[in-house]
Amino acid sequence: MRYAALLFMWVVLSSCSTSDDSQQQQADALTGTWIGDFGPAFYDRNTISLELHGDGKELTGTIRPGVQGGRMYRDFKAFPIENPSFDPKTGTLKFEATYQPKSRRYLIEGKVKKNTLSGSWNRPDDNRTGDFKLTRS
């Protein structure tokens, strides 16, 4: 009986540890600086960087200008992401962001594949859409 109780406790503790490890791995899949471009068409692109931090429980991030001197570089004040969610099974990342100086609200959805995050954005108030592709640096 004592052996069965010890075995049960070991199984419970192992599953808790695996769950925490899994959550940390999911956070690590996103944490870092992602650099690339976005735009409404292949000829209209702007460089951008996305800094993400996940701790397994919460995901936060900031959108910043891309590489200074890069193609179509524009300097702007960094702004935070809002309402982020990540599905580790599908690699889908969703979040919103509002660029306050021009009151532009973006809805962003992308997929993580290895060190690439790509997807689409939508600015519903202006009826504008486009895509993006970022690489973790």
C-alpha atoms as a PDB file:
ATOM      1  CA  MET A   1       0.000   0.000   0.000  1.00  0.00           C
ATOM      2  CA  ARG A   2       2.810   2.384   0.870  1.00  0.00           C
ATOM      3  CA  TYR A   3       4.504   1.617  -2.466  1.00  0.00           C
ATOM      4  CA  ALA A   4       1.253   2.403  -4.331  1.00  0.00           C
ATOM      5  CA  ALA A   5       0.921   5.751  -2.524  1.00  0.00           C
ATOM      6  CA  LEU A   6       4.519   6.688  -3.378  1.00  0.00           C
ATOM      7  CA  LEU A   7       3.978   5.676  -6.998  1.00  0.00           C
ATOM      8  CA  PHE A   8       0.798   7.766  -7.174  1.00  0.00           C
ATOM      9  CA  MET A   9       2.595  10.823  -5.731  1.00  0.00           C
ATOM     10  CA  TRP A  10       5.460  10.380  -8.201  1.00  0.00           C
ATOM     11  CA  VAL A  11       3.004  10.243 -11.145  1.00  0.00           C
ATOM     12  CA  VAL A  12       1.177  13.370  -9.928  1.00  0.00           C
ATOM     13  CA  LEU A  13       4.391  15.328  -9.377  1.00  0.00           C
ATOM     14  CA  SER A  14       5.778  14.216 -12.738  1.00  0.00           C
ATOM     15  CA  SER A  15       2.686  15.382 -14.583  1.00  0.00           C
ATOM     16  CA  CYS A  16       2.819  18.780 -12.834  1.00  0.00           C
ATOM     17  CA  SER A  17       6.463  19.160 -13.747  1.00  0.00           C
ATOM     18  CA  THR A  18       5.777  18.204 -17.368  1.00  0.00           C
ATOM     19  CA  SER A  19       2.929  20.718 -17.527  1.00  0.00           C
ATOM     20  CA  ASP A  20       5.187  23.518 -16.281  1.00  0.00           C
ATOM     21  CA  ASP A  21       7.934  22.467 -18.704  1.00  0.00           C
ATOM     22  CA  SER A  22       5.425  22.406 -21.550  1.00  0.00           C
ATOM     23  CA  GLN A  23       4.166  25.890 -20.686  1.00  0.00           C
ATOM     24  CA  GLN A  24       7.743  27.192 -20.556  1.00  0.00           C
ATOM     25  CA  GLN A  25       8.528  25.609 -23.936  1.00  0.00           C
ATOM     26  CA  GLN A  26       5.432  27.273 -25.405  1.00  0.00           C
ATOM     27  CA  ALA A  27       6.595  30.637 -24.054  1.00  0.00           C
ATOM     28  CA  ASP A  28      10.074  30.030 -25.475  1.00  0.00           C
ATOM     29  CA  ALA A  29       8.538  29.402 -28.897  1.00  0.00           C
ATOM     30  CA  LEU A  30       7.506  33.086 -28.954  1.00  0.00           C
ATOM     31  CA  THR A  31       9.889  34.934 -26.648  1.00  0.00           C
ATOM     32  CA  GLY A  32      12.371  37.103 -28.487  1.00  0.00           C
ATOM     33  CA  THR A  33      12.676  39.852 -31.059  1.00  0.00           C
ATOM     34  CA  TRP A  34      11.055  39.206 -34.413  1.00  0.00           C
ATOM     35  CA  ILE A  35      12.169  41.423 -37.319  1.00  0.00           C
ATOM     36  CA  GLY A  36      10.696  41.729 -40.795  1.00  0.00           C
ATOM     37  CA  ASP A  37       8.159  43.730 -42.743  1.00  0.00           C
ATOM     38  CA  PHE A  38       4.458  44.301 -43.209  1.00  0.00           C
ATOM     39  CA  GLY A  39       2.299  46.016 -45.769  1.00  0.00           C
ATOM     40  CA  PRO A  40      -0.774  45.874 -47.984  1.00  0.00           C
ATOM     41  CA  ALA A  41       1.164  44.714 -51.084  1.00  0.00           C
ATOM     42  CA  PHE A  42       4.590  43.373 -52.099  1.00  0.00           C
ATOM     43  CA  TYR A  43       5.643  46.830 -53.331  1.00  0.00           C
ATOM     44  CA  ASP A  44       4.416  48.700 -50.219  1.00  0.00           C
ATOM     45  CA  ARG A  45       6.326  47.342 -47.210  1.00  0.00           C
ATOM     46  CA  ASN A  46       7.538  48.804 -43.920  1.00  0.00           C
ATOM     47  CA  THR A  47      10.190  47.318 -41.648  1.00  0.00           C
ATOM     48  CA  ILE A  48       9.022  46.421 -38.173  1.00  0.00           C
ATOM     49  CA  SER A  49      10.130  44.551 -35.079  1.00  0.00           C
ATOM     50  CA  LEU A  50       7.982  42.716 -32.575  1.00  0.00           C
ATOM     51  CA  GLU A  51       9.340  42.028 -29.108  1.00  0.00           C
ATOM     52  CA  LEU A  52       7.505  39.195 -27.380  1.00  0.00           C
ATOM     53  CA  HIS A  53       7.856  37.797 -23.884  1.00  0.00           C
ATOM     54  CA  GLY A  54       5.985  34.784 -22.573  1.00  0.00           C
ATOM     55  CA  ASP A  55       6.311  33.124 -19.205  1.00  0.00           C
ATOM     56  CA  GLY A  56       3.903  30.235 -19.780  1.00  0.00           C
ATOM     57  CA  LYS A  57       1.021  32.158 -18.208  1.00  0.00           C
ATOM     58  CA  GLU A  58       1.062  35.577 -19.804  1.00  0.00           C
ATOM     59  CA  LEU A  59       2.207  36.888 -23.169  1.00  0.00           C
ATOM     60  CA  THR A  60       3.228  40.518 -23.606  1.00  0.00           C
ATOM     61  CA  GLY A  61       4.812  42.389 -26.452  1.00  0.00           C
ATOM     62  CA  THR A  62       5.739  45.643 -28.105  1.00  0.00           C
ATOM     63  CA  ILE A  63       5.725  46.724 -31.747  1.00  0.00           C
ATOM     64  CA  ARG A  64       8.702  48.894 -32.681  1.00  0.00           C
ATOM     65  CA  PRO A  65      10.260  50.323 -35.842  1.00  0.00           C
ATOM     66  CA  GLY A  66      12.325  47.827 -37.783  1.00  0.00           C
ATOM     67  CA  VAL A  67      16.000  48.035 -38.638  1.00  0.00           C
ATOM     68  CA  GLN A  68      17.058  51.654 -39.024  1.00  0.00           C
ATOM     69  CA  GLY A  69      18.237  52.244 -42.579  1.00  0.00           C
ATOM     70  CA  GLY A  70      16.255  49.223 -43.739  1.00  0.00           C
ATOM     71  CA  ARG A  71      13.888  49.224 -46.671  1.00  0.00           C
ATOM     72  CA  MET A  72      10.953  51.567 -46.090  1.00  0.00           C
ATOM     73  CA  TYR A  73      12.107  52.383 -42.541  1.00  0.00           C
ATOM     74  CA  ARG A  74       9.809  54.720 -40.655  1.00  0.00           C
ATOM     75  CA  ASP A  75      10.454  55.882 -37.144  1.00  0.00           C
ATOM     76  CA  PHE A  76       7.465  55.728 -34.813  1.00  0.00           C
ATOM     77  CA  LYS A  77       6.753  55.468 -31.113  1.00  0.00           C
ATOM     78  CA  ALA A  78       6.596  51.852 -29.942  1.00  0.00           C
ATOM     79  CA  PHE A  79       3.198  50.544 -28.876  1.00  0.00           C
ATOM     80  CA  PRO A  80       2.044  47.458 -26.935  1.00  0.00           C
ATOM     81  CA  ILE A  81       0.135  44.447 -28.174  1.00  0.00           C
ATOM     82  CA  GLU A  82      -3.269  43.785 -26.609  1.00  0.00           C
ATOM     83  CA  ASN A  83      -5.373  40.662 -26.002  1.00  0.00           C
ATOM     84  CA  PRO A  84      -2.704  38.178 -27.128  1.00  0.00           C
ATOM     85  CA  SER A  85      -3.416  34.477 -27.472  1.00  0.00           C
ATOM     86  CA  PHE A  86      -1.273  31.588 -28.663  1.00  0.00           C
ATOM     87  CA  ASP A  87      -2.354  28.067 -29.568  1.00  0.00           C
ATOM     88  CA  PRO A  88       0.756  25.869 -29.338  1.00  0.00           C
ATOM     89  CA  LYS A  89      -0.971  22.983 -31.127  1.00  0.00           C
ATOM     90  CA  THR A  90      -1.495  24.999 -34.310  1.00  0.00           C
ATOM     91  CA  GLY A  91       1.224  27.621 -33.795  1.00  0.00           C
ATOM     92  CA  THR A  92      -1.386  30.379 -34.202  1.00  0.00           C
ATOM     93  CA  LEU A  93      -0.705  33.733 -32.562  1.00  0.00           C
ATOM     94  CA  LYS A  94      -3.441  36.382 -32.396  1.00  0.00           C
ATOM     95  CA  PHE A  95      -3.338  39.855 -30.915  1.00  0.00           C
ATOM     96  CA  GLU A  96      -4.580  43.410 -31.350  1.00  0.00           C
ATOM     97  CA  ALA A  97      -2.609  46.640 -31.332  1.00  0.00           C
ATOM     98  CA  THR A  98      -3.572  50.297 -31.484  1.00  0.00           C
ATOM     99  CA  TYR A  99      -1.224  52.907 -32.910  1.00  0.00           C
ATOM    100  CA  GLN A 100      -2.418  55.855 -30.834  1.00  0.00           C
ATOM    101  CA  PRO A 101      -0.994  58.817 -32.813  1.00  0.00           C
ATOM    102  CA  LYS A 102      -3.287  57.945 -35.721  1.00  0.00           C
ATOM    103  CA  SER A 103      -5.868  55.901 -33.789  1.00  0.00           C
ATOM    104  CA  ARG A 104      -5.247  52.890 -36.013  1.00  0.00           C
ATOM    105  CA  ARG A 105      -6.456  49.593 -34.577  1.00  0.00           C
ATOM    106  CA  TYR A 106      -4.906  46.421 -35.985  1.00  0.00           C
ATOM    107  CA  LEU A 107      -6.105  42.828 -35.681  1.00  0.00           C
ATOM    108  CA  ILE A 108      -3.176  40.488 -36.284  1.00  0.00           C
ATOM    109  CA  GLU A 109      -3.111  36.717 -36.816  1.00  0.00           C
ATOM    110  CA  GLY A 110      -0.090  34.654 -37.736  1.00  0.00           C
ATOM    111  CA  LYS A 111       1.515  31.243 -37.489  1.00  0.00           C
ATOM    112  CA  VAL A 112       4.850  30.354 -36.005  1.00  0.00           C
ATOM    113  CA  LYS A 113       6.930  27.861 -37.982  1.00  0.00           C
ATOM    114  CA  LYS A 114      10.389  27.383 -36.489  1.00  0.00           C
ATOM    115  CA  ASN A 115      11.897  30.907 -36.453  1.00  0.00           C
ATOM    116  CA  THR A 116       9.346  32.507 -38.781  1.00  0.00           C
ATOM    117  CA  LEU A 117       6.119  34.263 -37.859  1.00  0.00           C
ATOM    118  CA  SER A 118       3.918  35.154 -40.815  1.00  0.00           C
ATOM    119  CA  GLY A 119       0.304  35.992 -41.330  1.00  0.00           C
ATOM    120  CA  SER A 120      -2.167  38.762 -41.978  1.00  0.00           C
ATOM    121  CA  TRP A 121      -3.333  42.011 -40.437  1.00  0.00           C
ATOM    122  CA  ASN A 122      -6.590  43.863 -40.694  1.00  0.00           C
ATOM    123  CA  ARG A 123      -7.407  47.506 -39.923  1.00  0.00           C
ATOM    124  CA  PRO A 124     -11.210  47.197 -39.776  1.00  0.00           C
ATOM    125  CA  ASP A 125     -11.945  50.887 -39.203  1.00  0.00           C
ATOM    126  CA  ASP A 126     -10.170  51.780 -42.467  1.00  0.00           C
ATOM    127  CA  ASN A 127     -11.072  48.624 -44.393  1.00  0.00           C
ATOM    128  CA  ARG A 128      -7.339  47.906 -44.951  1.00  0.00           C
ATOM    129  CA  THR A 129      -5.644  44.507 -44.950  1.00  0.00           C
ATOM    130  CA  GLY A 130      -2.201  43.160 -45.569  1.00  0.00           C
ATOM    131  CA  ASP A 131       0.347  40.582 -44.586  1.00  0.00           C
ATOM    132  CA  PHE A 132       3.595  40.312 -42.646  1.00  0.00           C
ATOM    133  CA  LYS A 133       6.606  38.073 -42.291  1.00  0.00           C
ATOM    134  CA  LEU A 134       8.990  38.234 -39.338  1.00  0.00           C
ATOM    135  CA  THR A 135      12.059  36.202 -38.403  1.00  0.00           C
ATOM    136  CA  ARG A 136      13.292  35.733 -34.863  1.00  0.00           C
ATOM    137  CA  SER A 137      16.708  37.351 -34.504  1.00  0.00           C
END
